[in-house]
Amino acid sequence: MKPLSAVALISVLILGALFIYVAEDIPDFGDPHSAPNRGVKLFSIDADEIEADLNQGVIPASLMDKIEETGLPLPIKVEEARGLEGELLEGEWDAFIIPLEKYYALPTTRFGTAPDAPKEQKYYLIMKDGDTLDVYRYAPVVRYWEEGEHETEVPNMVTYILADYRGFDTLGEATVIFTAGVSVILLLRRRGKMPK
């Protein structure tokens, strides 16, 4: 076996093993509790007397201090988390923030009245795990699920994500595809008659 072939074979085997190692850590498709779909863990904190404050809708100072250390926005209120059916989830709380982005609802448009954006939004999930509380930052997709149709007045989730929330990305992708298509046409066009 030639040295170059041996190096290529070893590289392929190493990259294949690395791919399998990384693929094992990918969450199941559609798993609502995976980090991309639910939230990213920020930190843990002792649940000593904090749990009683959370049940009363009070944000404890120790929790506010830990959130402030992360540099993320401070919550304005906390309430018990609810499931998809509206049932209370024991040992889970949602903390809300006022979003930084500004929404300007036009009084009337040719499509009717523009919807108002929510004044506050869920941002943190606090879950009890034994004697500690784990604090997560919700993934953006949670907001898309809960507020997307209200904010955009589009019933299809894929459409309002691509056309509204990620509109500039979609425009950029369309521009790249259009440019590639024009380039291929220019490269393949005929310049005059072919000789016989």
N, C-alpha and C. Protein backbone atom coordinates (compact mmCIF):
# COMPACT_ATOMS: atom_id res chain seq x y z
N MET A 1 0.85 -1.18 0.00
CA MET A 1 0.00 0.00 0.00
C MET A 1 0.89 1.24 0.00
N LYS A 2 0.57 2.17 -0.83
CA LYS A 2 1.35 3.40 -0.92
C LYS A 2 1.14 4.25 0.34
N PRO A 3 2.13 5.05 0.73
CA PRO A 3 1.99 5.87 1.94
C PRO A 3 0.81 6.85 1.85
N LEU A 4 0.61 7.43 0.66
CA LEU A 4 -0.50 8.39 0.52
C LEU A 4 -1.85 7.69 0.71
N SER A 5 -1.98 6.47 0.19
CA SER A 5 -3.22 5.71 0.35
C SER A 5 -3.44 5.35 1.82
N ALA A 6 -2.39 5.01 2.53
CA ALA A 6 -2.50 4.66 3.94
C ALA A 6 -2.95 5.88 4.76
N VAL A 7 -2.39 7.04 4.46
CA VAL A 7 -2.78 8.27 5.16
C VAL A 7 -4.25 8.60 4.87
N ALA A 8 -4.67 8.43 3.62
CA ALA A 8 -6.06 8.70 3.26
C ALA A 8 -7.00 7.74 3.98
N LEU A 9 -6.63 6.44 4.05
CA LEU A 9 -7.46 5.46 4.73
C LEU A 9 -7.57 5.76 6.22
N ILE A 10 -6.48 6.11 6.86
CA ILE A 10 -6.49 6.45 8.28
C ILE A 10 -7.34 7.70 8.52
N SER A 11 -7.22 8.69 7.64
CA SER A 11 -8.02 9.92 7.79
C SER A 11 -9.51 9.62 7.68
N VAL A 12 -9.88 8.77 6.72
CA VAL A 12 -11.29 8.43 6.54
C VAL A 12 -11.80 7.69 7.78
N LEU A 13 -11.02 6.76 8.32
CA LEU A 13 -11.45 6.03 9.51
C LEU A 13 -11.59 6.94 10.72
N ILE A 14 -10.66 7.87 10.90
CA ILE A 14 -10.74 8.81 12.03
C ILE A 14 -11.96 9.71 11.89
N LEU A 15 -12.19 10.25 10.69
CA LEU A 15 -13.35 11.11 10.48
C LEU A 15 -14.66 10.34 10.63
N GLY A 16 -14.71 9.09 10.18
CA GLY A 16 -15.90 8.26 10.35
C GLY A 16 -16.19 8.00 11.82
N ALA A 17 -15.15 7.69 12.60
CA ALA A 17 -15.33 7.46 14.04
C ALA A 17 -15.79 8.74 14.72
N LEU A 18 -15.22 9.89 14.32
CA LEU A 18 -15.63 11.17 14.89
C LEU A 18 -17.08 11.48 14.56
N PHE A 19 -17.49 11.19 13.34
CA PHE A 19 -18.89 11.41 12.95
C PHE A 19 -19.84 10.56 13.79
N ILE A 20 -19.50 9.29 13.99
CA ILE A 20 -20.35 8.41 14.80
C ILE A 20 -20.41 8.91 16.23
N TYR A 21 -19.29 9.36 16.78
CA TYR A 21 -19.25 9.87 18.15
C TYR A 21 -20.16 11.10 18.30
N VAL A 22 -20.09 12.01 17.34
CA VAL A 22 -20.91 13.23 17.39
C VAL A 22 -22.39 12.89 17.16
N ALA A 23 -22.68 11.99 16.24
CA ALA A 23 -24.07 11.64 15.92
C ALA A 23 -24.77 10.97 17.09
N GLU A 24 -24.03 10.29 17.96
CA GLU A 24 -24.64 9.65 19.14
C GLU A 24 -25.23 10.68 20.09
N ASP A 25 -24.72 11.91 20.07
CA ASP A 25 -25.16 12.94 21.00
C ASP A 25 -26.32 13.78 20.45
N ILE A 26 -26.72 13.54 19.21
CA ILE A 26 -27.82 14.29 18.60
C ILE A 26 -29.13 13.82 19.22
N PRO A 27 -30.00 14.73 19.70
CA PRO A 27 -31.27 14.30 20.30
C PRO A 27 -32.20 13.71 19.26
N ASP A 28 -33.14 12.90 19.73
CA ASP A 28 -34.13 12.32 18.83
C ASP A 28 -34.91 13.42 18.13
N PHE A 29 -35.28 13.17 16.88
CA PHE A 29 -36.03 14.15 16.12
C PHE A 29 -37.37 14.42 16.79
N GLY A 30 -37.67 15.69 17.04
CA GLY A 30 -38.94 16.06 17.63
C GLY A 30 -39.00 15.93 19.14
N ASP A 31 -37.88 15.61 19.79
CA ASP A 31 -37.88 15.49 21.25
C ASP A 31 -38.13 16.87 21.86
N PRO A 32 -39.28 17.10 22.53
CA PRO A 32 -39.60 18.44 23.03
C PRO A 32 -38.72 18.87 24.20
N HIS A 33 -37.98 17.94 24.80
CA HIS A 33 -37.14 18.29 25.95
C HIS A 33 -35.66 18.41 25.59
N SER A 34 -35.32 18.30 24.31
CA SER A 34 -33.92 18.46 23.92
C SER A 34 -33.55 19.94 23.96
N ALA A 35 -32.25 20.20 24.10
CA ALA A 35 -31.79 21.59 24.23
C ALA A 35 -32.20 22.47 23.06
N PRO A 36 -32.10 22.01 21.81
CA PRO A 36 -32.53 22.90 20.72
C PRO A 36 -34.01 23.22 20.73
N ASN A 37 -34.83 22.29 21.27
CA ASN A 37 -36.28 22.49 21.25
C ASN A 37 -36.85 23.09 22.52
N ARG A 38 -36.19 22.97 23.65
CA ARG A 38 -36.77 23.44 24.91
C ARG A 38 -35.96 24.58 25.51
N GLY A 39 -34.70 24.33 25.81
CA GLY A 39 -33.91 25.37 26.44
C GLY A 39 -32.50 24.92 26.73
N VAL A 40 -31.66 25.88 27.09
CA VAL A 40 -30.26 25.63 27.38
C VAL A 40 -30.04 25.89 28.86
N LYS A 41 -29.41 24.94 29.55
CA LYS A 41 -29.18 25.08 30.98
C LYS A 41 -28.15 26.17 31.23
N LEU A 42 -28.49 27.10 32.14
CA LEU A 42 -27.59 28.19 32.49
C LEU A 42 -26.82 27.90 33.76
N PHE A 43 -27.52 27.52 34.81
CA PHE A 43 -26.87 27.24 36.10
C PHE A 43 -27.85 26.53 37.02
N SER A 44 -27.33 26.08 38.15
CA SER A 44 -28.15 25.48 39.21
C SER A 44 -27.98 26.30 40.47
N ILE A 45 -29.01 26.29 41.31
CA ILE A 45 -28.98 27.05 42.55
C ILE A 45 -29.71 26.23 43.62
N ASP A 46 -29.30 26.37 44.89
CA ASP A 46 -29.96 25.65 45.98
C ASP A 46 -31.42 26.08 46.08
N ALA A 47 -32.28 25.09 46.35
CA ALA A 47 -33.72 25.35 46.39
C ALA A 47 -34.23 25.69 47.78
N ASP A 48 -33.33 25.95 48.73
CA ASP A 48 -33.70 26.11 50.15
C ASP A 48 -35.03 26.82 50.33
N GLU A 49 -35.02 28.13 50.39
CA GLU A 49 -36.27 28.89 50.61
C GLU A 49 -36.76 29.54 49.32
N ILE A 50 -36.04 29.30 48.26
CA ILE A 50 -36.39 29.93 46.98
C ILE A 50 -37.70 29.37 46.44
N GLU A 51 -37.92 28.07 46.63
CA GLU A 51 -39.10 27.42 46.06
C GLU A 51 -40.39 28.05 46.59
N ALA A 52 -40.41 28.38 47.89
CA ALA A 52 -41.61 29.01 48.46
C ALA A 52 -41.86 30.37 47.83
N ASP A 53 -40.79 31.15 47.59
CA ASP A 53 -40.94 32.46 46.93
C ASP A 53 -41.48 32.29 45.51
N LEU A 54 -40.95 31.31 44.78
CA LEU A 54 -41.40 31.09 43.41
C LEU A 54 -42.87 30.71 43.37
N ASN A 55 -43.31 29.90 44.32
CA ASN A 55 -44.73 29.50 44.36
C ASN A 55 -45.64 30.69 44.64
N GLN A 56 -45.11 31.72 45.30
CA GLN A 56 -45.90 32.93 45.58
C GLN A 56 -45.76 33.98 44.49
N GLY A 57 -44.98 33.67 43.44
CA GLY A 57 -44.81 34.61 42.35
C GLY A 57 -43.76 35.67 42.61
N VAL A 58 -42.86 35.42 43.57
CA VAL A 58 -41.80 36.38 43.92
C VAL A 58 -40.47 35.85 43.39
N ILE A 59 -39.70 36.72 42.77
CA ILE A 59 -38.38 36.33 42.28
C ILE A 59 -37.36 36.61 43.39
N PRO A 60 -36.72 35.57 43.93
CA PRO A 60 -35.77 35.77 45.02
C PRO A 60 -34.54 36.56 44.57
N ALA A 61 -33.96 37.34 45.49
CA ALA A 61 -32.80 38.16 45.18
C ALA A 61 -31.61 37.30 44.77
N SER A 62 -31.44 36.13 45.40
CA SER A 62 -30.31 35.27 45.05
C SER A 62 -30.41 34.78 43.60
N LEU A 63 -31.61 34.51 43.16
CA LEU A 63 -31.82 34.09 41.77
C LEU A 63 -31.55 35.25 40.81
N MET A 64 -32.02 36.44 41.17
CA MET A 64 -31.77 37.63 40.33
C MET A 64 -30.27 37.88 40.21
N ASP A 65 -29.52 37.72 41.32
CA ASP A 65 -28.07 37.94 41.28
C ASP A 65 -27.38 36.96 40.34
N LYS A 66 -27.79 35.67 40.39
CA LYS A 66 -27.18 34.66 39.51
C LYS A 66 -27.50 34.96 38.04
N ILE A 67 -28.72 35.39 37.76
CA ILE A 67 -29.08 35.72 36.37
C ILE A 67 -28.31 36.93 35.91
N GLU A 68 -28.15 37.92 36.78
CA GLU A 68 -27.40 39.13 36.42
C GLU A 68 -25.95 38.80 36.10
N GLU A 69 -25.38 37.81 36.79
CA GLU A 69 -24.00 37.39 36.52
C GLU A 69 -23.84 36.83 35.11
N THR A 70 -24.90 36.22 34.57
CA THR A 70 -24.83 35.66 33.22
C THR A 70 -24.87 36.73 32.14
N GLY A 71 -25.34 37.94 32.50
CA GLY A 71 -25.44 39.01 31.52
C GLY A 71 -26.73 38.98 30.72
N LEU A 72 -27.64 38.08 31.06
CA LEU A 72 -28.92 37.99 30.36
C LEU A 72 -29.93 38.93 31.01
N PRO A 73 -31.04 39.24 30.34
CA PRO A 73 -32.02 40.17 30.91
C PRO A 73 -32.64 39.63 32.19
N LEU A 74 -32.95 40.54 33.09
CA LEU A 74 -33.55 40.17 34.37
C LEU A 74 -35.05 39.94 34.21
N PRO A 75 -35.58 38.92 34.88
CA PRO A 75 -37.02 38.66 34.78
C PRO A 75 -37.82 39.70 35.54
N ILE A 76 -39.06 39.92 35.07
CA ILE A 76 -39.94 40.88 35.75
C ILE A 76 -40.99 40.17 36.60
N LYS A 77 -41.28 38.89 36.26
CA LYS A 77 -42.24 38.14 37.05
C LYS A 77 -42.00 36.65 36.85
N VAL A 78 -42.56 35.86 37.74
CA VAL A 78 -42.43 34.41 37.66
C VAL A 78 -43.78 33.79 38.00
N GLU A 79 -44.11 32.69 37.32
CA GLU A 79 -45.36 31.98 37.62
C GLU A 79 -45.15 30.50 37.33
N GLU A 80 -46.03 29.69 37.87
CA GLU A 80 -45.91 28.25 37.66
C GLU A 80 -46.08 27.92 36.18
N ALA A 81 -45.25 26.98 35.71
CA ALA A 81 -45.29 26.60 34.30
C ALA A 81 -46.53 25.77 34.00
N ARG A 82 -46.98 25.88 32.77
CA ARG A 82 -48.15 25.12 32.33
C ARG A 82 -47.77 24.27 31.13
N GLY A 83 -48.40 23.09 31.04
CA GLY A 83 -48.18 22.19 29.92
C GLY A 83 -48.96 22.61 28.70
N LEU A 84 -48.90 21.79 27.67
CA LEU A 84 -49.59 22.10 26.42
C LEU A 84 -51.10 22.14 26.60
N GLU A 85 -51.62 21.37 27.54
CA GLU A 85 -53.06 21.33 27.79
C GLU A 85 -53.49 22.40 28.78
N GLY A 86 -52.55 23.19 29.30
CA GLY A 86 -52.88 24.23 30.26
C GLY A 86 -52.79 23.78 31.71
N GLU A 87 -52.36 22.53 31.93
CA GLU A 87 -52.26 22.02 33.29
C GLU A 87 -50.97 22.55 33.95
N LEU A 88 -51.03 22.75 35.26
CA LEU A 88 -49.86 23.22 36.01
C LEU A 88 -48.83 22.10 36.09
N LEU A 89 -47.57 22.44 35.87
CA LEU A 89 -46.48 21.47 35.97
C LEU A 89 -45.81 21.65 37.32
N GLU A 90 -45.90 20.65 38.16
CA GLU A 90 -45.35 20.76 39.51
C GLU A 90 -43.82 20.80 39.45
N GLY A 91 -43.26 21.75 40.21
CA GLY A 91 -41.81 21.87 40.26
C GLY A 91 -41.20 22.60 39.09
N GLU A 92 -42.02 23.29 38.29
CA GLU A 92 -41.51 24.07 37.16
C GLU A 92 -42.14 25.46 37.18
N TRP A 93 -41.31 26.46 36.87
CA TRP A 93 -41.78 27.85 36.84
C TRP A 93 -41.26 28.52 35.58
N ASP A 94 -42.04 29.47 35.08
CA ASP A 94 -41.62 30.30 33.95
C ASP A 94 -41.32 31.69 34.47
N ALA A 95 -40.18 32.25 34.04
CA ALA A 95 -39.84 33.63 34.37
C ALA A 95 -39.95 34.44 33.09
N PHE A 96 -40.54 35.63 33.19
CA PHE A 96 -40.84 36.46 32.02
C PHE A 96 -39.94 37.70 32.00
N ILE A 97 -39.65 38.16 30.79
CA ILE A 97 -38.91 39.41 30.60
C ILE A 97 -39.72 40.31 29.68
N ILE A 98 -39.33 41.57 29.61
CA ILE A 98 -39.88 42.46 28.59
C ILE A 98 -38.86 42.46 27.45
N PRO A 99 -39.27 42.06 26.25
CA PRO A 99 -38.32 41.96 25.14
C PRO A 99 -37.71 43.31 24.79
N LEU A 100 -36.45 43.26 24.34
CA LEU A 100 -35.74 44.48 23.99
C LEU A 100 -36.19 45.04 22.64
N GLU A 101 -36.56 44.14 21.72
CA GLU A 101 -36.96 44.63 20.40
C GLU A 101 -38.25 45.40 20.49
N LYS A 102 -38.40 46.38 19.66
CA LYS A 102 -39.60 47.22 19.67
C LYS A 102 -40.50 46.83 18.51
N TYR A 103 -41.80 46.79 18.80
CA TYR A 103 -42.78 46.50 17.76
C TYR A 103 -43.65 47.73 17.59
N TYR A 104 -43.85 48.10 16.36
CA TYR A 104 -44.71 49.24 16.07
C TYR A 104 -45.91 48.73 15.28
N ALA A 105 -47.03 48.65 15.93
CA ALA A 105 -48.24 48.18 15.26
C ALA A 105 -48.88 49.36 14.54
N LEU A 106 -49.00 49.23 13.26
CA LEU A 106 -49.67 50.28 12.49
C LEU A 106 -51.16 50.25 12.81
N PRO A 107 -51.80 51.41 12.94
CA PRO A 107 -53.21 51.40 13.30
C PRO A 107 -54.06 50.64 12.29
N THR A 108 -53.85 50.88 11.02
CA THR A 108 -54.55 50.11 10.00
C THR A 108 -53.62 49.95 8.81
N THR A 109 -53.76 48.83 8.15
CA THR A 109 -53.03 48.58 6.92
C THR A 109 -54.02 48.05 5.91
N ARG A 110 -53.58 47.81 4.71
CA ARG A 110 -54.51 47.29 3.73
C ARG A 110 -54.94 45.87 4.06
N PHE A 111 -54.21 45.20 4.98
CA PHE A 111 -54.56 43.86 5.40
C PHE A 111 -55.35 43.86 6.71
N GLY A 112 -55.67 45.03 7.24
CA GLY A 112 -56.39 45.10 8.51
C GLY A 112 -55.49 45.66 9.59
N THR A 113 -55.87 45.44 10.83
CA THR A 113 -55.10 45.95 11.95
C THR A 113 -53.92 45.03 12.24
N ALA A 114 -52.74 45.60 12.41
CA ALA A 114 -51.56 44.80 12.72
C ALA A 114 -51.64 44.31 14.16
N PRO A 115 -51.20 43.07 14.42
CA PRO A 115 -51.31 42.54 15.78
C PRO A 115 -50.28 43.18 16.70
N ASP A 116 -50.66 43.32 17.96
CA ASP A 116 -49.71 43.81 18.96
C ASP A 116 -48.83 42.66 19.41
N ALA A 117 -47.56 42.94 19.60
CA ALA A 117 -46.65 41.93 20.13
C ALA A 117 -46.90 41.79 21.63
N PRO A 118 -46.56 40.65 22.20
CA PRO A 118 -46.78 40.50 23.64
C PRO A 118 -45.93 41.49 24.42
N LYS A 119 -46.46 41.99 25.50
CA LYS A 119 -45.74 42.96 26.33
C LYS A 119 -44.59 42.27 27.07
N GLU A 120 -44.76 41.00 27.35
CA GLU A 120 -43.73 40.23 28.05
C GLU A 120 -43.67 38.85 27.41
N GLN A 121 -42.55 38.18 27.59
CA GLN A 121 -42.42 36.86 27.01
C GLN A 121 -41.69 35.93 27.96
N LYS A 122 -42.00 34.62 27.84
CA LYS A 122 -41.31 33.60 28.62
C LYS A 122 -39.86 33.58 28.19
N TYR A 123 -38.95 33.57 29.15
CA TYR A 123 -37.54 33.56 28.78
C TYR A 123 -36.75 32.51 29.55
N TYR A 124 -37.11 32.29 30.81
CA TYR A 124 -36.41 31.32 31.64
C TYR A 124 -37.37 30.23 32.10
N LEU A 125 -36.85 29.01 32.16
CA LEU A 125 -37.56 27.89 32.74
C LEU A 125 -36.78 27.46 33.98
N ILE A 126 -37.47 27.38 35.11
CA ILE A 126 -36.84 26.98 36.37
C ILE A 126 -37.45 25.64 36.74
N MET A 127 -36.60 24.60 36.89
CA MET A 127 -37.07 23.26 37.19
C MET A 127 -36.41 22.75 38.45
N LYS A 128 -37.22 22.15 39.32
CA LYS A 128 -36.70 21.57 40.55
C LYS A 128 -36.12 20.20 40.24
N ASP A 129 -34.91 19.96 40.73
CA ASP A 129 -34.25 18.66 40.56
C ASP A 129 -33.62 18.28 41.90
N GLY A 130 -34.39 17.59 42.72
CA GLY A 130 -33.90 17.23 44.06
C GLY A 130 -33.86 18.46 44.95
N ASP A 131 -32.67 18.77 45.48
CA ASP A 131 -32.50 19.93 46.36
C ASP A 131 -32.02 21.17 45.61
N THR A 132 -31.97 21.10 44.30
CA THR A 132 -31.49 22.25 43.52
C THR A 132 -32.56 22.67 42.52
N LEU A 133 -32.41 23.89 42.05
CA LEU A 133 -33.24 24.40 40.97
C LEU A 133 -32.34 24.63 39.77
N ASP A 134 -32.69 24.06 38.64
CA ASP A 134 -31.95 24.26 37.40
C ASP A 134 -32.64 25.38 36.62
N VAL A 135 -31.86 26.35 36.17
CA VAL A 135 -32.40 27.49 35.42
C VAL A 135 -31.98 27.34 33.97
N TYR A 136 -32.96 27.35 33.08
CA TYR A 136 -32.75 27.21 31.64
C TYR A 136 -33.20 28.48 30.94
N ARG A 137 -32.57 28.78 29.80
CA ARG A 137 -33.05 29.84 28.91
C ARG A 137 -33.81 29.14 27.79
N TYR A 138 -35.06 29.55 27.61
CA TYR A 138 -35.87 28.92 26.57
C TYR A 138 -35.24 29.12 25.20
N ALA A 139 -35.37 28.10 24.34
CA ALA A 139 -34.93 28.20 22.96
C ALA A 139 -35.90 29.10 22.19
N PRO A 140 -35.44 29.79 21.14
CA PRO A 140 -36.35 30.67 20.38
C PRO A 140 -37.57 29.95 19.81
N VAL A 141 -37.43 28.65 19.54
CA VAL A 141 -38.55 27.93 18.94
C VAL A 141 -39.76 27.89 19.87
N VAL A 142 -39.55 27.99 21.18
CA VAL A 142 -40.67 28.01 22.12
C VAL A 142 -41.53 29.25 21.87
N ARG A 143 -40.88 30.38 21.63
CA ARG A 143 -41.63 31.60 21.32
C ARG A 143 -42.35 31.46 19.99
N TYR A 144 -41.69 30.85 19.01
CA TYR A 144 -42.34 30.64 17.72
C TYR A 144 -43.60 29.82 17.89
N TRP A 145 -43.54 28.74 18.69
CA TRP A 145 -44.71 27.89 18.91
C TRP A 145 -45.85 28.66 19.55
N GLU A 146 -45.51 29.46 20.58
CA GLU A 146 -46.56 30.06 21.40
C GLU A 146 -47.08 31.39 20.87
N GLU A 147 -46.23 32.20 20.27
CA GLU A 147 -46.62 33.55 19.90
C GLU A 147 -46.62 33.81 18.39
N GLY A 148 -46.09 32.90 17.60
CA GLY A 148 -45.90 33.14 16.18
C GLY A 148 -47.16 33.49 15.42
N GLU A 149 -48.20 32.69 15.62
CA GLU A 149 -49.44 32.95 14.88
C GLU A 149 -50.07 34.27 15.32
N HIS A 150 -49.98 34.60 16.60
CA HIS A 150 -50.54 35.86 17.10
C HIS A 150 -49.75 37.06 16.56
N GLU A 151 -48.40 36.95 16.53
CA GLU A 151 -47.58 38.08 16.11
C GLU A 151 -47.61 38.30 14.60
N THR A 152 -47.76 37.23 13.83
CA THR A 152 -47.66 37.37 12.37
C THR A 152 -48.98 37.22 11.64
N GLU A 153 -49.99 36.65 12.30
CA GLU A 153 -51.28 36.35 11.69
C GLU A 153 -51.16 35.42 10.49
N VAL A 154 -50.17 34.52 10.55
CA VAL A 154 -49.99 33.50 9.52
C VAL A 154 -50.22 32.15 10.20
N PRO A 155 -51.14 31.33 9.69
CA PRO A 155 -51.45 30.08 10.39
C PRO A 155 -50.39 28.99 10.24
N ASN A 156 -49.54 29.05 9.24
CA ASN A 156 -48.55 28.00 9.00
C ASN A 156 -47.23 28.36 9.68
N MET A 157 -46.77 27.50 10.58
CA MET A 157 -45.57 27.79 11.36
C MET A 157 -44.32 27.92 10.48
N VAL A 158 -44.17 27.04 9.51
CA VAL A 158 -42.99 27.09 8.63
C VAL A 158 -42.98 28.40 7.86
N THR A 159 -44.12 28.83 7.38
CA THR A 159 -44.20 30.07 6.61
C THR A 159 -43.85 31.27 7.46
N TYR A 160 -44.41 31.38 8.68
CA TYR A 160 -44.11 32.58 9.46
C TYR A 160 -42.68 32.59 10.00
N ILE A 161 -42.07 31.42 10.18
CA ILE A 161 -40.66 31.42 10.60
C ILE A 161 -39.78 31.87 9.43
N LEU A 162 -40.00 31.31 8.25
CA LEU A 162 -39.15 31.65 7.10
C LEU A 162 -39.41 33.05 6.57
N ALA A 163 -40.66 33.47 6.53
CA ALA A 163 -40.98 34.74 5.91
C ALA A 163 -40.96 35.92 6.86
N ASP A 164 -41.11 35.68 8.16
CA ASP A 164 -41.19 36.78 9.11
C ASP A 164 -39.97 36.81 10.03
N TYR A 165 -39.88 35.83 10.92
CA TYR A 165 -38.78 35.84 11.89
C TYR A 165 -37.41 35.75 11.22
N ARG A 166 -37.32 34.95 10.16
CA ARG A 166 -36.03 34.77 9.49
C ARG A 166 -36.09 35.31 8.06
N GLY A 167 -36.81 36.40 7.87
CA GLY A 167 -37.01 36.95 6.54
C GLY A 167 -35.73 37.37 5.85
N PHE A 168 -34.80 37.98 6.58
CA PHE A 168 -33.54 38.41 5.95
C PHE A 168 -32.70 37.20 5.54
N ASP A 169 -32.70 36.14 6.36
CA ASP A 169 -31.98 34.92 5.98
C ASP A 169 -32.56 34.34 4.70
N THR A 170 -33.90 34.29 4.64
CA THR A 170 -34.55 33.74 3.45
C THR A 170 -34.24 34.58 2.22
N LEU A 171 -34.23 35.89 2.38
CA LEU A 171 -33.88 36.77 1.26
C LEU A 171 -32.44 36.51 0.81
N GLY A 172 -31.54 36.36 1.77
CA GLY A 172 -30.14 36.08 1.44
C GLY A 172 -29.98 34.75 0.71
N GLU A 173 -30.69 33.72 1.19
CA GLU A 173 -30.61 32.41 0.54
C GLU A 173 -31.17 32.48 -0.89
N ALA A 174 -32.28 33.18 -1.08
CA ALA A 174 -32.86 33.32 -2.42
C ALA A 174 -31.90 34.06 -3.34
N THR A 175 -31.20 35.06 -2.82
CA THR A 175 -30.23 35.81 -3.62
C THR A 175 -29.07 34.92 -4.05
N VAL A 176 -28.58 34.09 -3.13
CA VAL A 176 -27.48 33.18 -3.46
C VAL A 176 -27.90 32.19 -4.54
N ILE A 177 -29.10 31.62 -4.41
CA ILE A 177 -29.58 30.64 -5.40
C ILE A 177 -29.79 31.31 -6.75
N PHE A 178 -30.35 32.52 -6.75
CA PHE A 178 -30.56 33.25 -8.00
C PHE A 178 -29.21 33.55 -8.67
N THR A 179 -28.24 34.00 -7.88
CA THR A 179 -26.91 34.32 -8.43
C THR A 179 -26.25 33.06 -9.01
N ALA A 180 -26.37 31.93 -8.32
CA ALA A 180 -25.80 30.68 -8.81
C ALA A 180 -26.47 30.26 -10.12
N GLY A 181 -27.80 30.40 -10.19
CA GLY A 181 -28.51 30.04 -11.41
C GLY A 181 -28.10 30.90 -12.60
N VAL A 182 -28.00 32.20 -12.39
CA VAL A 182 -27.58 33.11 -13.47
C VAL A 182 -26.15 32.79 -13.89
N SER A 183 -25.29 32.47 -12.93
CA SER A 183 -23.90 32.14 -13.25
C SER A 183 -23.82 30.88 -14.11
N VAL A 184 -24.61 29.87 -13.78
CA VAL A 184 -24.60 28.63 -14.57
C VAL A 184 -25.11 28.91 -15.98
N ILE A 185 -26.15 29.70 -16.10
CA ILE A 185 -26.68 30.03 -17.43
C ILE A 185 -25.63 30.77 -18.24
N LEU A 186 -24.94 31.72 -17.64
CA LEU A 186 -23.90 32.47 -18.36
C LEU A 186 -22.73 31.57 -18.77
N LEU A 187 -22.38 30.61 -17.95
CA LEU A 187 -21.27 29.71 -18.28
C LEU A 187 -21.64 28.71 -19.37
N LEU A 188 -22.89 28.30 -19.42
CA LEU A 188 -23.30 27.26 -20.37
C LEU A 188 -23.88 27.81 -21.67
N ARG A 189 -24.07 29.10 -21.77
CA ARG A 189 -24.67 29.62 -22.99
C ARG A 189 -23.71 29.49 -24.16
N ARG A 190 -24.28 29.42 -25.34
CA ARG A 190 -23.46 29.26 -26.55
C ARG A 190 -23.08 30.63 -27.08
N ARG A 191 -21.85 30.73 -27.55
CA ARG A 191 -21.37 32.00 -28.11
C ARG A 191 -21.17 31.82 -29.61
N GLY A 192 -22.20 31.92 -30.33
CA GLY A 192 -22.09 31.77 -31.78
C GLY A 192 -22.41 30.35 -32.21
N LYS A 193 -22.24 30.10 -33.50
CA LYS A 193 -22.58 28.79 -34.04
C LYS A 193 -21.41 27.84 -33.89
N MET A 194 -21.76 26.60 -33.63
CA MET A 194 -20.75 25.54 -33.50
C MET A 194 -20.27 25.17 -34.91
N PRO A 195 -18.98 24.91 -35.10
CA PRO A 195 -18.49 24.47 -36.42
C PRO A 195 -18.97 23.06 -36.72
N LYS A 196 -19.21 22.80 -38.01
CA LYS A 196 -19.67 21.46 -38.42
C LYS A 196 -18.53 20.53 -38.63
